[in-house]
Amino acid sequence: MINNKTNPVEWSSLMYELEDAKEHLENMIDQMNKDGAIEEDSEFRIRMGHVFAHLNRGWNIRNRVGEYDESERELFSMFPKDLEPCG
């Protein structure tokens, strides 16, 4: 797994994905609490998909050293095959 000492650039990318997911999720929760309802299904789907894309990239790049291209980024955005939902 990458770390901030030996892989500072990759670590920064991982932290970006997790922080951005957190920010988008917090904003969505705040908006839902303010509105007292779930927004339109299509908007909710887009927002959730965006959060999942960040989380998926975080998981999928956790061992990645070096740059990756746009096609790999798309693959990294998909739900991981090596992670089982739990809880």
N, C-alpha and C. Protein backbone atom coordinates (compact mmCIF):
# COMPACT_ATOMS: atom_id res chain seq x y z
N MET A 1 0.84 -1.17 0.00
CA MET A 1 0.00 0.00 0.00
C MET A 1 0.89 1.24 0.00
N ILE A 2 0.47 2.27 -0.71
CA ILE A 2 1.25 3.50 -0.76
C ILE A 2 1.22 4.19 0.61
N ASN A 3 2.19 5.09 0.82
CA ASN A 3 2.19 5.89 2.04
C ASN A 3 2.72 7.28 1.73
N ASN A 4 2.55 8.19 2.67
CA ASN A 4 2.91 9.58 2.40
C ASN A 4 4.41 9.83 2.40
N LYS A 5 5.20 8.91 2.92
CA LYS A 5 6.66 9.09 2.95
C LYS A 5 7.31 8.68 1.63
N THR A 6 7.03 7.47 1.17
CA THR A 6 7.70 6.97 -0.04
C THR A 6 6.93 7.26 -1.32
N ASN A 7 5.65 7.60 -1.21
CA ASN A 7 4.82 7.86 -2.39
C ASN A 7 4.01 9.15 -2.19
N PRO A 8 4.66 10.29 -2.03
CA PRO A 8 3.91 11.51 -1.70
C PRO A 8 2.92 11.95 -2.78
N VAL A 9 3.24 11.76 -4.03
CA VAL A 9 2.33 12.17 -5.11
C VAL A 9 1.11 11.26 -5.13
N GLU A 10 1.34 9.97 -5.06
CA GLU A 10 0.25 9.01 -5.05
C GLU A 10 -0.61 9.17 -3.80
N TRP A 11 0.04 9.44 -2.67
CA TRP A 11 -0.69 9.68 -1.42
C TRP A 11 -1.60 10.89 -1.56
N SER A 12 -1.09 11.93 -2.18
CA SER A 12 -1.88 13.14 -2.40
C SER A 12 -3.10 12.84 -3.26
N SER A 13 -2.94 12.01 -4.28
CA SER A 13 -4.07 11.63 -5.14
C SER A 13 -5.11 10.84 -4.35
N LEU A 14 -4.66 9.92 -3.52
CA LEU A 14 -5.57 9.13 -2.70
C LEU A 14 -6.33 10.04 -1.73
N MET A 15 -5.62 10.95 -1.08
CA MET A 15 -6.27 11.86 -0.13
C MET A 15 -7.26 12.78 -0.84
N TYR A 16 -6.92 13.21 -2.06
CA TYR A 16 -7.85 14.04 -2.83
C TYR A 16 -9.16 13.30 -3.05
N GLU A 17 -9.08 12.05 -3.48
CA GLU A 17 -10.30 11.28 -3.77
C GLU A 17 -11.16 11.12 -2.51
N LEU A 18 -10.53 10.81 -1.39
CA LEU A 18 -11.29 10.61 -0.15
C LEU A 18 -11.87 11.93 0.38
N GLU A 19 -11.08 12.99 0.34
CA GLU A 19 -11.56 14.29 0.81
C GLU A 19 -12.69 14.81 -0.08
N ASP A 20 -12.57 14.61 -1.39
CA ASP A 20 -13.62 15.09 -2.29
C ASP A 20 -14.91 14.29 -2.08
N ALA A 21 -14.78 12.99 -1.87
CA ALA A 21 -15.97 12.17 -1.57
C ALA A 21 -16.63 12.67 -0.29
N LYS A 22 -15.83 12.94 0.72
CA LYS A 22 -16.34 13.44 2.00
C LYS A 22 -17.06 14.77 1.80
N GLU A 23 -16.45 15.68 1.05
CA GLU A 23 -17.05 17.00 0.81
C GLU A 23 -18.40 16.88 0.10
N HIS A 24 -18.45 16.07 -0.95
CA HIS A 24 -19.69 15.92 -1.71
C HIS A 24 -20.77 15.25 -0.87
N LEU A 25 -20.39 14.26 -0.09
CA LEU A 25 -21.36 13.58 0.77
C LEU A 25 -21.89 14.52 1.85
N GLU A 26 -21.00 15.30 2.47
CA GLU A 26 -21.44 16.26 3.48
C GLU A 26 -22.39 17.29 2.89
N ASN A 27 -22.07 17.80 1.70
CA ASN A 27 -22.94 18.78 1.04
C ASN A 27 -24.31 18.19 0.74
N MET A 28 -24.33 16.95 0.28
CA MET A 28 -25.59 16.29 -0.04
C MET A 28 -26.42 16.09 1.23
N ILE A 29 -25.79 15.65 2.30
CA ILE A 29 -26.50 15.44 3.57
C ILE A 29 -27.04 16.77 4.09
N ASP A 30 -26.22 17.81 4.05
CA ASP A 30 -26.67 19.13 4.50
C ASP A 30 -27.88 19.60 3.72
N GLN A 31 -27.84 19.43 2.39
CA GLN A 31 -28.96 19.85 1.54
C GLN A 31 -30.22 19.05 1.85
N MET A 32 -30.06 17.75 2.05
CA MET A 32 -31.22 16.90 2.36
C MET A 32 -31.81 17.27 3.71
N ASN A 33 -30.97 17.56 4.69
CA ASN A 33 -31.47 17.99 6.00
C ASN A 33 -32.18 19.33 5.91
N LYS A 34 -31.64 20.21 5.09
CA LYS A 34 -32.26 21.53 4.90
C LYS A 34 -33.62 21.39 4.22
N ASP A 35 -33.68 20.55 3.18
CA ASP A 35 -34.92 20.37 2.41
C ASP A 35 -35.92 19.46 3.13
N GLY A 36 -35.42 18.60 4.00
CA GLY A 36 -36.28 17.65 4.69
C GLY A 36 -36.79 16.54 3.79
N ALA A 37 -36.09 16.31 2.69
CA ALA A 37 -36.51 15.28 1.73
C ALA A 37 -35.33 14.90 0.83
N ILE A 38 -35.49 13.76 0.18
CA ILE A 38 -34.52 13.37 -0.84
C ILE A 38 -34.89 14.12 -2.11
N GLU A 39 -33.87 14.66 -2.75
CA GLU A 39 -34.15 15.39 -3.99
C GLU A 39 -34.63 14.45 -5.08
N GLU A 40 -34.93 15.00 -6.21
CA GLU A 40 -35.37 14.22 -7.36
C GLU A 40 -34.46 13.01 -7.58
N ASP A 41 -35.04 11.87 -7.91
CA ASP A 41 -34.28 10.63 -8.03
C ASP A 41 -33.08 10.75 -8.96
N SER A 42 -33.25 11.41 -10.09
CA SER A 42 -32.15 11.53 -11.05
C SER A 42 -30.99 12.34 -10.46
N GLU A 43 -31.30 13.39 -9.73
CA GLU A 43 -30.26 14.21 -9.10
C GLU A 43 -29.56 13.43 -7.98
N PHE A 44 -30.33 12.72 -7.18
CA PHE A 44 -29.78 11.90 -6.10
C PHE A 44 -28.86 10.83 -6.67
N ARG A 45 -29.27 10.21 -7.76
CA ARG A 45 -28.47 9.17 -8.43
C ARG A 45 -27.14 9.75 -8.90
N ILE A 46 -27.18 10.92 -9.50
CA ILE A 46 -25.95 11.56 -9.99
C ILE A 46 -25.01 11.87 -8.83
N ARG A 47 -25.56 12.45 -7.77
CA ARG A 47 -24.73 12.80 -6.61
C ARG A 47 -24.12 11.56 -5.96
N MET A 48 -24.92 10.52 -5.78
CA MET A 48 -24.40 9.29 -5.18
C MET A 48 -23.35 8.64 -6.09
N GLY A 49 -23.61 8.65 -7.39
CA GLY A 49 -22.64 8.10 -8.33
C GLY A 49 -21.32 8.83 -8.28
N HIS A 50 -21.39 10.15 -8.09
CA HIS A 50 -20.17 10.96 -8.00
C HIS A 50 -19.38 10.60 -6.74
N VAL A 51 -20.07 10.47 -5.62
CA VAL A 51 -19.41 10.08 -4.36
C VAL A 51 -18.78 8.70 -4.51
N PHE A 52 -19.54 7.75 -5.06
CA PHE A 52 -19.00 6.40 -5.24
C PHE A 52 -17.79 6.40 -6.16
N ALA A 53 -17.80 7.20 -7.21
CA ALA A 53 -16.66 7.25 -8.13
C ALA A 53 -15.39 7.66 -7.38
N HIS A 54 -15.50 8.67 -6.50
CA HIS A 54 -14.34 9.07 -5.70
C HIS A 54 -13.89 7.95 -4.77
N LEU A 55 -14.83 7.33 -4.07
CA LEU A 55 -14.48 6.24 -3.16
C LEU A 55 -13.87 5.06 -3.91
N ASN A 56 -14.45 4.73 -5.05
CA ASN A 56 -13.93 3.63 -5.86
C ASN A 56 -12.51 3.92 -6.32
N ARG A 57 -12.26 5.15 -6.80
CA ARG A 57 -10.91 5.50 -7.21
C ARG A 57 -9.95 5.42 -6.03
N GLY A 58 -10.39 5.88 -4.86
CA GLY A 58 -9.55 5.78 -3.68
C GLY A 58 -9.12 4.35 -3.41
N TRP A 59 -10.08 3.44 -3.45
CA TRP A 59 -9.77 2.03 -3.21
C TRP A 59 -8.87 1.48 -4.32
N ASN A 60 -9.22 1.77 -5.56
CA ASN A 60 -8.52 1.18 -6.69
C ASN A 60 -7.12 1.73 -6.91
N ILE A 61 -6.80 2.91 -6.37
CA ILE A 61 -5.44 3.45 -6.55
C ILE A 61 -4.59 3.29 -5.29
N ARG A 62 -5.10 2.63 -4.28
CA ARG A 62 -4.39 2.54 -3.00
C ARG A 62 -3.02 1.88 -3.12
N ASN A 63 -2.80 1.07 -4.14
CA ASN A 63 -1.51 0.41 -4.36
C ASN A 63 -0.82 0.91 -5.62
N ARG A 64 -1.42 1.86 -6.28
CA ARG A 64 -0.93 2.32 -7.58
C ARG A 64 0.25 3.27 -7.40
N VAL A 65 1.37 2.94 -8.03
CA VAL A 65 2.53 3.82 -8.03
C VAL A 65 2.71 4.32 -9.45
N GLY A 66 2.81 5.62 -9.62
CA GLY A 66 2.98 6.21 -10.94
C GLY A 66 1.68 6.78 -11.47
N GLU A 67 1.81 7.44 -12.60
CA GLU A 67 0.66 8.08 -13.22
C GLU A 67 -0.25 7.05 -13.89
N TYR A 68 -1.47 7.48 -14.17
CA TYR A 68 -2.39 6.65 -14.93
C TYR A 68 -3.15 7.53 -15.90
N ASP A 69 -3.60 6.93 -17.01
CA ASP A 69 -4.26 7.71 -18.05
C ASP A 69 -5.78 7.73 -17.85
N GLU A 70 -6.46 8.42 -18.75
CA GLU A 70 -7.91 8.61 -18.63
C GLU A 70 -8.68 7.29 -18.69
N SER A 71 -8.24 6.36 -19.54
CA SER A 71 -8.96 5.08 -19.62
C SER A 71 -8.81 4.30 -18.31
N GLU A 72 -7.64 4.36 -17.69
CA GLU A 72 -7.46 3.71 -16.39
C GLU A 72 -8.28 4.41 -15.32
N ARG A 73 -8.37 5.73 -15.40
CA ARG A 73 -9.16 6.49 -14.44
C ARG A 73 -10.62 6.04 -14.49
N GLU A 74 -11.13 5.82 -15.68
CA GLU A 74 -12.50 5.32 -15.83
C GLU A 74 -12.66 3.95 -15.18
N LEU A 75 -11.67 3.08 -15.39
CA LEU A 75 -11.72 1.75 -14.76
C LEU A 75 -11.65 1.87 -13.23
N PHE A 76 -10.80 2.75 -12.74
CA PHE A 76 -10.65 2.94 -11.30
C PHE A 76 -11.91 3.52 -10.67
N SER A 77 -12.75 4.17 -11.46
CA SER A 77 -14.00 4.76 -10.96
C SER A 77 -15.09 3.72 -10.74
N MET A 78 -14.91 2.54 -11.31
CA MET A 78 -15.92 1.49 -11.19
C MET A 78 -15.79 0.79 -9.84
N PHE A 79 -16.91 0.19 -9.38
CA PHE A 79 -16.89 -0.49 -8.09
C PHE A 79 -15.84 -1.60 -8.11
N PRO A 80 -15.00 -1.67 -7.08
CA PRO A 80 -13.93 -2.66 -7.04
C PRO A 80 -14.45 -4.10 -7.05
N LYS A 81 -13.71 -4.95 -7.73
CA LYS A 81 -14.06 -6.37 -7.77
C LYS A 81 -13.50 -7.10 -6.55
N ASP A 82 -12.55 -6.47 -5.87
CA ASP A 82 -11.90 -7.10 -4.72
C ASP A 82 -12.38 -6.52 -3.38
N LEU A 83 -13.59 -5.98 -3.38
CA LEU A 83 -14.14 -5.39 -2.17
C LEU A 83 -15.60 -5.81 -2.03
N GLU A 84 -15.92 -6.45 -0.95
CA GLU A 84 -17.29 -6.90 -0.69
C GLU A 84 -17.99 -5.89 0.22
N PRO A 85 -19.17 -5.42 -0.17
CA PRO A 85 -19.92 -4.54 0.74
C PRO A 85 -20.23 -5.29 2.04
N CYS A 86 -20.16 -4.59 3.13
CA CYS A 86 -20.49 -5.19 4.42
C CYS A 86 -21.19 -4.16 5.30
N GLY A 87 -21.83 -4.64 6.33
CA GLY A 87 -22.49 -3.73 7.27
C GLY A 87 -23.86 -3.48 6.87
